[in-house]
Every structure is written in structure tokens, then in C-alpha cells.
Amino acid sequence: MSVGADGAAVTQVAQRHEVTRQQIYAWRHELKEKGILSPATIFLPIEMPAPHEMAAAPEPGERAPAATMPIEVQLNCGRRLRFDSGVDPVVLTRLVRAVETA
């Protein structure tokens, strides 16, 4: 459900996706300033496991994984992705393709 679809209010959508109303307004404002906000514009929720859920504990005798670092990538479409350096490359590739074509 998006804002305005089926009579949904910003508050309902924000609560459903665990973001603030202000964040939705900020996103919409940013899209409007860039001239890419249209009635067909929708926000797609993307769920990724927390970093501690992604990494399995090392087996006895194995080396612990290297420390991870936060990474931010600006895509050609103008959007930015922030993720942990430990993210699976296959998952990241799929995410980038999905975001760039959305």
C-alpha cells in the first residue's frame, strides 16, 4: 500500500514500513526537486538481514572473518546505496540492478 493508494495516509504507510512520516515527505520532496516524482512513483520496501544475521560464526579452528566497513555507492540513476562490506556480492548485484531499474 502506498500513500494515496486505497486511501492510505502517510502515517499508515510510515508505520507499516517502520519509518517516520518526515522521511516519506523528505523522499517525496527530493524526487519532486529532481523532477522525477510522478503519480506512478512508488517506494519499494527492501529487507536485508542485519549484519549479525548474515555472518555465521566461524567453526572451531577457522579464522574469524575480517572486520566489515560501511560502504556508500552513488548509482548512475542518482540513488545511493549504503551497505556493509560483508554483503554477499550476488545479493548486492541483484539489489543494484533492482534499484537502477525501479
PDB file of N, CA and C in Angstrom:
ATOM      1  N   MET A   1       0.850  -1.175   0.000  1.00  0.00           N
ATOM      2  CA  MET A   1       0.000   0.000   0.000  1.00  0.00           C
ATOM      3  C   MET A   1       0.890   1.231   0.000  1.00  0.00           C
ATOM      4  N   SER A   2       0.650   2.166  -0.910  1.00  0.00           N
ATOM      5  CA  SER A   2       1.407   3.405  -0.915  1.00  0.00           C
ATOM      6  C   SER A   2       0.507   4.565  -0.528  1.00  0.00           C
ATOM      7  N   VAL A   3       1.145   5.685  -0.256  1.00  0.00           N
ATOM      8  CA  VAL A   3       0.412   6.880   0.140  1.00  0.00           C
ATOM      9  C   VAL A   3      -0.569   7.232  -0.965  1.00  0.00           C
ATOM     10  N   GLY A   4      -1.809   7.430  -0.586  1.00  0.00           N
ATOM     11  CA  GLY A   4      -2.839   7.780  -1.547  1.00  0.00           C
ATOM     12  C   GLY A   4      -3.512   6.582  -2.187  1.00  0.00           C
ATOM     13  N   ALA A   5      -2.849   5.439  -2.238  1.00  0.00           N
ATOM     14  CA  ALA A   5      -3.447   4.237  -2.821  1.00  0.00           C
ATOM     15  C   ALA A   5      -4.436   3.658  -1.827  1.00  0.00           C
ATOM     16  N   ASP A   6      -5.604   3.376  -2.292  1.00  0.00           N
ATOM     17  CA  ASP A   6      -6.662   2.830  -1.439  1.00  0.00           C
ATOM     18  C   ASP A   6      -6.915   3.715  -0.226  1.00  0.00           C
ATOM     19  N   GLY A   7      -6.688   5.016  -0.353  1.00  0.00           N
ATOM     20  CA  GLY A   7      -6.953   5.953   0.735  1.00  0.00           C
ATOM     21  C   GLY A   7      -5.955   5.915   1.868  1.00  0.00           C
ATOM     22  N   ALA A   8      -4.793   5.320   1.650  1.00  0.00           N
ATOM     23  CA  ALA A   8      -3.792   5.209   2.710  1.00  0.00           C
ATOM     24  C   ALA A   8      -3.184   6.571   3.019  1.00  0.00           C
ATOM     25  N   ALA A   9      -3.071   6.863   4.303  1.00  0.00           N
ATOM     26  CA  ALA A   9      -2.458   8.109   4.754  1.00  0.00           C
ATOM     27  C   ALA A   9      -0.961   7.901   4.954  1.00  0.00           C
ATOM     28  N   VAL A  10      -0.224   8.998   4.937  1.00  0.00           N
ATOM     29  CA  VAL A  10       1.221   8.932   5.142  1.00  0.00           C
ATOM     30  C   VAL A  10       1.533   8.227   6.453  1.00  0.00           C
ATOM     31  N   THR A  11       0.773   8.533   7.493  1.00  0.00           N
ATOM     32  CA  THR A  11       1.017   7.918   8.805  1.00  0.00           C
ATOM     33  C   THR A  11       0.906   6.402   8.735  1.00  0.00           C
ATOM     34  N   GLN A  12      -0.104   5.892   8.051  1.00  0.00           N
ATOM     35  CA  GLN A  12      -0.293   4.442   7.936  1.00  0.00           C
ATOM     36  C   GLN A  12       0.873   3.788   7.199  1.00  0.00           C
ATOM     37  N   VAL A  13       1.287   4.395   6.113  1.00  0.00           N
ATOM     38  CA  VAL A  13       2.386   3.833   5.328  1.00  0.00           C
ATOM     39  C   VAL A  13       3.679   3.884   6.132  1.00  0.00           C
ATOM     40  N   ALA A  14       3.921   4.987   6.815  1.00  0.00           N
ATOM     41  CA  ALA A  14       5.135   5.119   7.630  1.00  0.00           C
ATOM     42  C   ALA A  14       5.173   4.061   8.725  1.00  0.00           C
ATOM     43  N   GLN A  15       4.063   3.860   9.403  1.00  0.00           N
ATOM     44  CA  GLN A  15       4.018   2.851  10.468  1.00  0.00           C
ATOM     45  C   GLN A  15       4.229   1.450   9.909  1.00  0.00           C
ATOM     46  N   ARG A  16       3.627   1.159   8.777  1.00  0.00           N
ATOM     47  CA  ARG A  16       3.746  -0.169   8.184  1.00  0.00           C
ATOM     48  C   ARG A  16       5.196  -0.493   7.825  1.00  0.00           C
ATOM     49  N   HIS A  17       5.939   0.510   7.378  1.00  0.00           N
ATOM     50  CA  HIS A  17       7.316   0.281   6.933  1.00  0.00           C
ATOM     51  C   HIS A  17       8.361   0.737   7.948  1.00  0.00           C
ATOM     52  N   GLU A  18       7.892   1.082   9.136  1.00  0.00           N
ATOM     53  CA  GLU A  18       8.769   1.465  10.249  1.00  0.00           C
ATOM     54  C   GLU A  18       9.710   2.607   9.892  1.00  0.00           C
ATOM     55  N   VAL A  19       9.152   3.639   9.268  1.00  0.00           N
ATOM     56  CA  VAL A  19       9.890   4.875   9.012  1.00  0.00           C
ATOM     57  C   VAL A  19       9.038   6.023   9.546  1.00  0.00           C
ATOM     58  N   THR A  20       9.625   7.202   9.626  1.00  0.00           N
ATOM     59  CA  THR A  20       8.855   8.348  10.104  1.00  0.00           C
ATOM     60  C   THR A  20       8.100   8.990   8.948  1.00  0.00           C
ATOM     61  N   ARG A  21       7.045   9.707   9.295  1.00  0.00           N
ATOM     62  CA  ARG A  21       6.305  10.455   8.274  1.00  0.00           C
ATOM     63  C   ARG A  21       7.230  11.457   7.597  1.00  0.00           C
ATOM     64  N   GLN A  22       8.089  12.071   8.413  1.00  0.00           N
ATOM     65  CA  GLN A  22       9.011  13.067   7.878  1.00  0.00           C
ATOM     66  C   GLN A  22       9.924  12.463   6.810  1.00  0.00           C
ATOM     67  N   GLN A  23      10.309  11.197   6.990  1.00  0.00           N
ATOM     68  CA  GLN A  23      11.173  10.554   6.000  1.00  0.00           C
ATOM     69  C   GLN A  23      10.442  10.396   4.670  1.00  0.00           C
ATOM     70  N   ILE A  24       9.182  10.009   4.727  1.00  0.00           N
ATOM     71  CA  ILE A  24       8.399   9.877   3.489  1.00  0.00           C
ATOM     72  C   ILE A  24       8.268  11.228   2.800  1.00  0.00           C
ATOM     73  N   TYR A  25       7.956  12.266   3.587  1.00  0.00           N
ATOM     74  CA  TYR A  25       7.855  13.602   2.997  1.00  0.00           C
ATOM     75  C   TYR A  25       9.191  14.040   2.391  1.00  0.00           C
ATOM     76  N   ALA A  26      10.297  13.737   3.081  1.00  0.00           N
ATOM     77  CA  ALA A  26      11.625  14.111   2.568  1.00  0.00           C
ATOM     78  C   ALA A  26      11.914  13.393   1.258  1.00  0.00           C
ATOM     79  N   TRP A  27      11.594  12.098   1.179  1.00  0.00           N
ATOM     80  CA  TRP A  27      11.815  11.343  -0.056  1.00  0.00           C
ATOM     81  C   TRP A  27      11.002  11.935  -1.200  1.00  0.00           C
ATOM     82  N   ARG A  28       9.741  12.217  -0.923  1.00  0.00           N
ATOM     83  CA  ARG A  28       8.877  12.767  -1.963  1.00  0.00           C
ATOM     84  C   ARG A  28       9.377  14.139  -2.415  1.00  0.00           C
ATOM     85  N   HIS A  29       9.808  14.956  -1.448  1.00  0.00           N
ATOM     86  CA  HIS A  29      10.330  16.287  -1.775  1.00  0.00           C
ATOM     87  C   HIS A  29      11.575  16.177  -2.658  1.00  0.00           C
ATOM     88  N   GLU A  30      12.466  15.254  -2.305  1.00  0.00           N
ATOM     89  CA  GLU A  30      13.695  15.060  -3.085  1.00  0.00           C
ATOM     90  C   GLU A  30      13.366  14.638  -4.522  1.00  0.00           C
ATOM     91  N   LEU A  31      12.416  13.716  -4.665  1.00  0.00           N
ATOM     92  CA  LEU A  31      12.022  13.275  -6.010  1.00  0.00           C
ATOM     93  C   LEU A  31      11.393  14.420  -6.801  1.00  0.00           C
ATOM     94  N   LYS A  32      10.584  15.225  -6.119  1.00  0.00           N
ATOM     95  CA  LYS A  32       9.930  16.348  -6.790  1.00  0.00           C
ATOM     96  C   LYS A  32      10.968  17.364  -7.264  1.00  0.00           C
ATOM     97  N   GLU A  33      11.965  17.659  -6.414  1.00  0.00           N
ATOM     98  CA  GLU A  33      13.019  18.605  -6.800  1.00  0.00           C
ATOM     99  C   GLU A  33      13.804  18.116  -8.015  1.00  0.00           C
ATOM    100  N   LYS A  34      13.997  16.806  -8.102  1.00  0.00           N
ATOM    101  CA  LYS A  34      14.746  16.234  -9.229  1.00  0.00           C
ATOM    102  C   LYS A  34      13.869  16.071 -10.467  1.00  0.00           C
ATOM    103  N   GLY A  35      12.573  16.363 -10.324  1.00  0.00           N
ATOM    104  CA  GLY A  35      11.657  16.255 -11.448  1.00  0.00           C
ATOM    105  C   GLY A  35      11.283  14.835 -11.808  1.00  0.00           C
ATOM    106  N   ILE A  36      11.421  13.912 -10.852  1.00  0.00           N
ATOM    107  CA  ILE A  36      11.109  12.513 -11.158  1.00  0.00           C
ATOM    108  C   ILE A  36       9.959  11.965 -10.317  1.00  0.00           C
ATOM    109  N   LEU A  37       9.213  12.853  -9.661  1.00  0.00           N
ATOM    110  CA  LEU A  37       8.047  12.409  -8.895  1.00  0.00           C
ATOM    111  C   LEU A  37       6.837  12.444  -9.813  1.00  0.00           C
ATOM    112  N   SER A  38       6.218  11.304  -9.989  1.00  0.00           N
ATOM    113  CA  SER A  38       5.014  11.224 -10.805  1.00  0.00           C
ATOM    114  C   SER A  38       3.963  10.460 -10.012  1.00  0.00           C
ATOM    115  N   PRO A  39       2.711  10.499 -10.439  1.00  0.00           N
ATOM    116  CA  PRO A  39       1.676   9.742  -9.726  1.00  0.00           C
ATOM    117  C   PRO A  39       1.975   8.245  -9.664  1.00  0.00           C
ATOM    118  N   ALA A  40       2.770   7.751 -10.613  1.00  0.00           N
ATOM    119  CA  ALA A  40       3.091   6.322 -10.638  1.00  0.00           C
ATOM    120  C   ALA A  40       4.277   5.968  -9.743  1.00  0.00           C
ATOM    121  N   THR A  41       4.924   6.971  -9.140  1.00  0.00           N
ATOM    122  CA  THR A  41       6.089   6.714  -8.294  1.00  0.00           C
ATOM    123  C   THR A  41       5.668   5.957  -7.049  1.00  0.00           C
ATOM    124  N   ILE A  42       6.378   4.867  -6.764  1.00  0.00           N
ATOM    125  CA  ILE A  42       6.121   4.112  -5.540  1.00  0.00           C
ATOM    126  C   ILE A  42       7.453   3.838  -4.852  1.00  0.00           C
ATOM    127  N   PHE A  43       7.382   3.608  -3.563  1.00  0.00           N
ATOM    128  CA  PHE A  43       8.563   3.229  -2.808  1.00  0.00           C
ATOM    129  C   PHE A  43       8.503   1.729  -2.596  1.00  0.00           C
ATOM    130  N   LEU A  44       9.604   1.064  -2.858  1.00  0.00           N
ATOM    131  CA  LEU A  44       9.667  -0.379  -2.699  1.00  0.00           C
ATOM    132  C   LEU A  44      10.409  -0.711  -1.415  1.00  0.00           C
ATOM    133  N   PRO A  45       9.772  -1.442  -0.508  1.00  0.00           N
ATOM    134  CA  PRO A  45      10.491  -1.828   0.707  1.00  0.00           C
ATOM    135  C   PRO A  45      11.517  -2.904   0.380  1.00  0.00           C
ATOM    136  N   ILE A  46      12.700  -2.736   0.893  1.00  0.00           N
ATOM    137  CA  ILE A  46      13.765  -3.719   0.697  1.00  0.00           C
ATOM    138  C   ILE A  46      14.201  -4.188   2.065  1.00  0.00           C
ATOM    139  N   GLU A  47      14.131  -5.484   2.280  1.00  0.00           N
ATOM    140  CA  GLU A  47      14.526  -6.037   3.564  1.00  0.00           C
ATOM    141  C   GLU A  47      15.833  -6.791   3.399  1.00  0.00           C
ATOM    142  N   MET A  48      16.778  -6.447   4.251  1.00  0.00           N
ATOM    143  CA  MET A  48      18.056  -7.151   4.261  1.00  0.00           C
ATOM    144  C   MET A  48      18.319  -7.586   5.689  1.00  0.00           C
ATOM    145  N   PRO A  49      18.891  -8.746   5.866  1.00  0.00           N
ATOM    146  CA  PRO A  49      19.186  -9.186   7.229  1.00  0.00           C
ATOM    147  C   PRO A  49      20.217  -8.274   7.871  1.00  0.00           C
ATOM    148  N   ALA A  50      20.132  -8.171   9.191  1.00  0.00           N
ATOM    149  CA  ALA A  50      21.121  -7.390   9.930  1.00  0.00           C
ATOM    150  C   ALA A  50      22.486  -8.039   9.752  1.00  0.00           C
ATOM    151  N   PRO A  51      23.565  -7.248   9.827  1.00  0.00           N
ATOM    152  CA  PRO A  51      24.903  -7.818   9.615  1.00  0.00           C
ATOM    153  C   PRO A  51      25.192  -9.034  10.490  1.00  0.00           C
ATOM    154  N   HIS A  52      24.714  -9.017  11.737  1.00  0.00           N
ATOM    155  CA  HIS A  52      24.993 -10.162  12.607  1.00  0.00           C
ATOM    156  C   HIS A  52      24.227 -11.408  12.173  1.00  0.00           C
ATOM    157  N   GLU A  53      23.137 -11.247  11.421  1.00  0.00           N
ATOM    158  CA  GLU A  53      22.383 -12.394  10.922  1.00  0.00           C
ATOM    159  C   GLU A  53      23.021 -12.962   9.654  1.00  0.00           C
ATOM    160  N   MET A  54      23.760 -12.131   8.924  1.00  0.00           N
ATOM    161  CA  MET A  54      24.341 -12.565   7.655  1.00  0.00           C
ATOM    162  C   MET A  54      25.590 -13.413   7.859  1.00  0.00           C
ATOM    163  N   ALA A  55      26.347 -13.116   8.871  1.00  0.00           N
ATOM    164  CA  ALA A  55      27.617 -13.809   9.072  1.00  0.00           C
ATOM    165  C   ALA A  55      27.450 -14.953  10.060  1.00  0.00           C
ATOM    166  N   ALA A  56      27.839 -16.132   9.636  1.00  0.00           N
ATOM    167  CA  ALA A  56      27.785 -17.291  10.530  1.00  0.00           C
ATOM    168  C   ALA A  56      29.037 -17.297  11.402  1.00  0.00           C
ATOM    169  N   ALA A  57      28.902 -17.846  12.582  1.00  0.00           N
ATOM    170  CA  ALA A  57      30.050 -17.946  13.484  1.00  0.00           C
ATOM    171  C   ALA A  57      31.074 -18.897  12.875  1.00  0.00           C
ATOM    172  N   PRO A  58      32.361 -18.574  13.004  1.00  0.00           N
ATOM    173  CA  PRO A  58      33.377 -19.462  12.432  1.00  0.00           C
ATOM    174  C   PRO A  58      33.433 -20.792  13.177  1.00  0.00           C
ATOM    175  N   GLU A  59      33.735 -21.839  12.429  1.00  0.00           N
ATOM    176  CA  GLU A  59      33.903 -23.160  13.031  1.00  0.00           C
ATOM    177  C   GLU A  59      35.183 -23.159  13.859  1.00  0.00           C
ATOM    178  N   PRO A  60      35.263 -24.036  14.853  1.00  0.00           N
ATOM    179  CA  PRO A  60      36.498 -24.102  15.638  1.00  0.00           C
ATOM    180  C   PRO A  60      37.700 -24.340  14.720  1.00  0.00           C
ATOM    181  N   GLY A  61      38.747 -23.573  14.910  1.00  0.00           N
ATOM    182  CA  GLY A  61      39.950 -23.695  14.097  1.00  0.00           C
ATOM    183  C   GLY A  61      39.956 -22.790  12.879  1.00  0.00           C
ATOM    184  N   GLU A  62      38.804 -22.208  12.521  1.00  0.00           N
ATOM    185  CA  GLU A  62      38.744 -21.289  11.387  1.00  0.00           C
ATOM    186  C   GLU A  62      39.071 -19.883  11.856  1.00  0.00           C
ATOM    187  N   ARG A  63      39.578 -19.085  10.917  1.00  0.00           N
ATOM    188  CA  ARG A  63      39.836 -17.689  11.249  1.00  0.00           C
ATOM    189  C   ARG A  63      38.521 -16.931  11.293  1.00  0.00           C
ATOM    190  N   ALA A  64      38.455 -15.982  12.188  1.00  0.00           N
ATOM    191  CA  ALA A  64      37.274 -15.118  12.254  1.00  0.00           C
ATOM    192  C   ALA A  64      37.265 -14.222  11.018  1.00  0.00           C
ATOM    193  N   PRO A  65      36.075 -13.885  10.513  1.00  0.00           N
ATOM    194  CA  PRO A  65      36.021 -13.014   9.339  1.00  0.00           C
ATOM    195  C   PRO A  65      36.614 -11.639   9.657  1.00  0.00           C
ATOM    196  N   ALA A  66      37.155 -11.012   8.638  1.00  0.00           N
ATOM    197  CA  ALA A  66      37.730  -9.676   8.809  1.00  0.00           C
ATOM    198  C   ALA A  66      36.630  -8.693   9.192  1.00  0.00           C
ATOM    199  N   ALA A  67      37.019  -7.640   9.876  1.00  0.00           N
ATOM    200  CA  ALA A  67      36.055  -6.611  10.263  1.00  0.00           C
ATOM    201  C   ALA A  67      35.437  -6.009   9.002  1.00  0.00           C
ATOM    202  N   THR A  68      34.165  -5.684   9.088  1.00  0.00           N
ATOM    203  CA  THR A  68      33.485  -5.098   7.944  1.00  0.00           C
ATOM    204  C   THR A  68      33.424  -3.587   8.109  1.00  0.00           C
ATOM    205  N   MET A  69      33.225  -2.921   6.988  1.00  0.00           N
ATOM    206  CA  MET A  69      33.162  -1.463   6.994  1.00  0.00           C
ATOM    207  C   MET A  69      31.921  -1.013   6.238  1.00  0.00           C
ATOM    208  N   PRO A  70      31.351   0.124   6.641  1.00  0.00           N
ATOM    209  CA  PRO A  70      30.204   0.643   5.890  1.00  0.00           C
ATOM    210  C   PRO A  70      30.661   1.207   4.546  1.00  0.00           C
ATOM    211  N   ILE A  71      29.843   0.989   3.522  1.00  0.00           N
ATOM    212  CA  ILE A  71      30.144   1.465   2.169  1.00  0.00           C
ATOM    213  C   ILE A  71      28.920   2.199   1.642  1.00  0.00           C
ATOM    214  N   GLU A  72      29.153   3.277   0.907  1.00  0.00           N
ATOM    215  CA  GLU A  72      28.068   4.004   0.251  1.00  0.00           C
ATOM    216  C   GLU A  72      28.421   4.139  -1.221  1.00  0.00           C
ATOM    217  N   VAL A  73      27.466   3.780  -2.087  1.00  0.00           N
ATOM    218  CA  VAL A  73      27.683   3.839  -3.532  1.00  0.00           C
ATOM    219  C   VAL A  73      26.620   4.737  -4.146  1.00  0.00           C
ATOM    220  N   GLN A  74      27.050   5.685  -4.969  1.00  0.00           N
ATOM    221  CA  GLN A  74      26.117   6.525  -5.717  1.00  0.00           C
ATOM    222  C   GLN A  74      25.920   5.862  -7.073  1.00  0.00           C
ATOM    223  N   LEU A  75      24.681   5.485  -7.382  1.00  0.00           N
ATOM    224  CA  LEU A  75      24.381   4.806  -8.639  1.00  0.00           C
ATOM    225  C   LEU A  75      24.184   5.808  -9.767  1.00  0.00           C
ATOM    226  N   ASN A  76      24.234   5.335 -10.994  1.00  0.00           N
ATOM    227  CA  ASN A  76      24.039   6.198 -12.163  1.00  0.00           C
ATOM    228  C   ASN A  76      22.686   6.885 -12.143  1.00  0.00           C
ATOM    229  N   CYS A  77      21.692   6.235 -11.543  1.00  0.00           N
ATOM    230  CA  CYS A  77      20.345   6.794 -11.503  1.00  0.00           C
ATOM    231  C   CYS A  77      20.215   7.898 -10.457  1.00  0.00           C
ATOM    232  N   GLY A  78      21.283   8.167  -9.691  1.00  0.00           N
ATOM    233  CA  GLY A  78      21.245   9.220  -8.681  1.00  0.00           C
ATOM    234  C   GLY A  78      20.953   8.721  -7.281  1.00  0.00           C
ATOM    235  N   ARG A  79      20.506   7.492  -7.163  1.00  0.00           N
ATOM    236  CA  ARG A  79      20.220   6.932  -5.843  1.00  0.00           C
ATOM    237  C   ARG A  79      21.510   6.484  -5.180  1.00  0.00           C
ATOM    238  N   ARG A  80      21.463   6.371  -3.863  1.00  0.00           N
ATOM    239  CA  ARG A  80      22.623   5.905  -3.107  1.00  0.00           C
ATOM    240  C   ARG A  80      22.255   4.643  -2.354  1.00  0.00           C
ATOM    241  N   LEU A  81      23.181   3.724  -2.299  1.00  0.00           N
ATOM    242  CA  LEU A  81      23.016   2.505  -1.515  1.00  0.00           C
ATOM    243  C   LEU A  81      24.060   2.513  -0.419  1.00  0.00           C
ATOM    244  N   ARG A  82      23.622   2.217   0.789  1.00  0.00           N
ATOM    245  CA  ARG A  82      24.550   2.076   1.911  1.00  0.00           C
ATOM    246  C   ARG A  82      24.455   0.639   2.385  1.00  0.00           C
ATOM    247  N   PHE A  83      25.609  -0.007   2.532  1.00  0.00           N
ATOM    248  CA  PHE A  83      25.618  -1.398   2.945  1.00  0.00           C
ATOM    249  C   PHE A  83      26.932  -1.708   3.628  1.00  0.00           C
ATOM    250  N   ASP A  84      26.983  -2.859   4.231  1.00  0.00           N
ATOM    251  CA  ASP A  84      28.163  -3.315   4.941  1.00  0.00           C
ATOM    252  C   ASP A  84      29.084  -4.023   3.957  1.00  0.00           C
ATOM    253  N   SER A  85      30.383  -3.898   4.145  1.00  0.00           N
ATOM    254  CA  SER A  85      31.336  -4.513   3.216  1.00  0.00           C
ATOM    255  C   SER A  85      31.241  -6.033   3.197  1.00  0.00           C
ATOM    256  N   GLY A  86      30.569  -6.610   4.167  1.00  0.00           N
ATOM    257  CA  GLY A  86      30.428  -8.059   4.214  1.00  0.00           C
ATOM    258  C   GLY A  86      29.239  -8.591   3.435  1.00  0.00           C
ATOM    259  N   VAL A  87      28.510  -7.713   2.723  1.00  0.00           N
ATOM    260  CA  VAL A  87      27.320  -8.158   1.999  1.00  0.00           C
ATOM    261  C   VAL A  87      27.726  -9.104   0.864  1.00  0.00           C
ATOM    262  N   ASP A  88      26.894 -10.098   0.630  1.00  0.00           N
ATOM    263  CA  ASP A  88      27.125 -11.079  -0.431  1.00  0.00           C
ATOM    264  C   ASP A  88      27.123 -10.364  -1.786  1.00  0.00           C
ATOM    265  N   PRO A  89      28.158 -10.530  -2.598  1.00  0.00           N
ATOM    266  CA  PRO A  89      28.226  -9.846  -3.897  1.00  0.00           C
ATOM    267  C   PRO A  89      27.049 -10.166  -4.819  1.00  0.00           C
ATOM    268  N   VAL A  90      26.538 -11.370  -4.767  1.00  0.00           N
ATOM    269  CA  VAL A  90      25.393 -11.742  -5.610  1.00  0.00           C
ATOM    270  C   VAL A  90      24.159 -10.953  -5.180  1.00  0.00           C
ATOM    271  N   VAL A  91      23.944 -10.861  -3.874  1.00  0.00           N
ATOM    272  CA  VAL A  91      22.807 -10.101  -3.347  1.00  0.00           C
ATOM    273  C   VAL A  91      22.963  -8.627  -3.716  1.00  0.00           C
ATOM    274  N   LEU A  92      24.159  -8.095  -3.571  1.00  0.00           N
ATOM    275  CA  LEU A  92      24.409  -6.691  -3.892  1.00  0.00           C
ATOM    276  C   LEU A  92      24.165  -6.416  -5.377  1.00  0.00           C
ATOM    277  N   THR A  93      24.611  -7.308  -6.245  1.00  0.00           N
ATOM    278  CA  THR A  93      24.394  -7.141  -7.682  1.00  0.00           C
ATOM    279  C   THR A  93      22.909  -7.106  -8.000  1.00  0.00           C
ATOM    280  N   ARG A  94      22.153  -8.005  -7.416  1.00  0.00           N
ATOM    281  CA  ARG A  94      20.694  -8.026  -7.642  1.00  0.00           C
ATOM    282  C   ARG A  94      20.050  -6.751  -7.129  1.00  0.00           C
ATOM    283  N   LEU A  95      20.487  -6.285  -5.970  1.00  0.00           N
ATOM    284  CA  LEU A  95      19.927  -5.073  -5.383  1.00  0.00           C
ATOM    285  C   LEU A  95      20.217  -3.860  -6.265  1.00  0.00           C
ATOM    286  N   VAL A  96      21.443  -3.728  -6.736  1.00  0.00           N
ATOM    287  CA  VAL A  96      21.808  -2.604  -7.605  1.00  0.00           C
ATOM    288  C   VAL A  96      20.957  -2.630  -8.870  1.00  0.00           C
ATOM    289  N   ARG A  97      20.824  -3.793  -9.485  1.00  0.00           N
ATOM    290  CA  ARG A  97      20.005  -3.897 -10.711  1.00  0.00           C
ATOM    291  C   ARG A  97      18.554  -3.518 -10.438  1.00  0.00           C
ATOM    292  N   ALA A  98      18.018  -3.973  -9.308  1.00  0.00           N
ATOM    293  CA  ALA A  98      16.624  -3.664  -8.970  1.00  0.00           C
ATOM    294  C   ALA A  98      16.434  -2.171  -8.739  1.00  0.00           C
ATOM    295  N   VAL A  99      17.352  -1.556  -8.036  1.00  0.00           N
ATOM    296  CA  VAL A  99      17.235  -0.128  -7.738  1.00  0.00           C
ATOM    297  C   VAL A  99      17.413   0.705  -9.004  1.00  0.00           C
ATOM    298  N   GLU A 100      18.354   0.345  -9.853  1.00  0.00           N
ATOM    299  CA  GLU A 100      18.585   1.122 -11.071  1.00  0.00           C
ATOM    300  C   GLU A 100      17.438   1.009 -12.069  1.00  0.00           C
ATOM    301  N   THR A 101      16.716  -0.089 -12.051  1.00  0.00           N
ATOM    302  CA  THR A 101      15.604  -0.245 -12.998  1.00  0.00           C
ATOM    303  C   THR A 101      14.270   0.189 -12.415  1.00  0.00           C
ATOM    304  N   ALA A 102      14.230   0.499 -11.126  1.00  0.00           N
ATOM    305  CA  ALA A 102      12.964   0.899 -10.482  1.00  0.00           C
ATOM    306  C   ALA A 102      12.578   2.302 -10.894  1.00  0.00           C
TER     307      ALA A 102
END
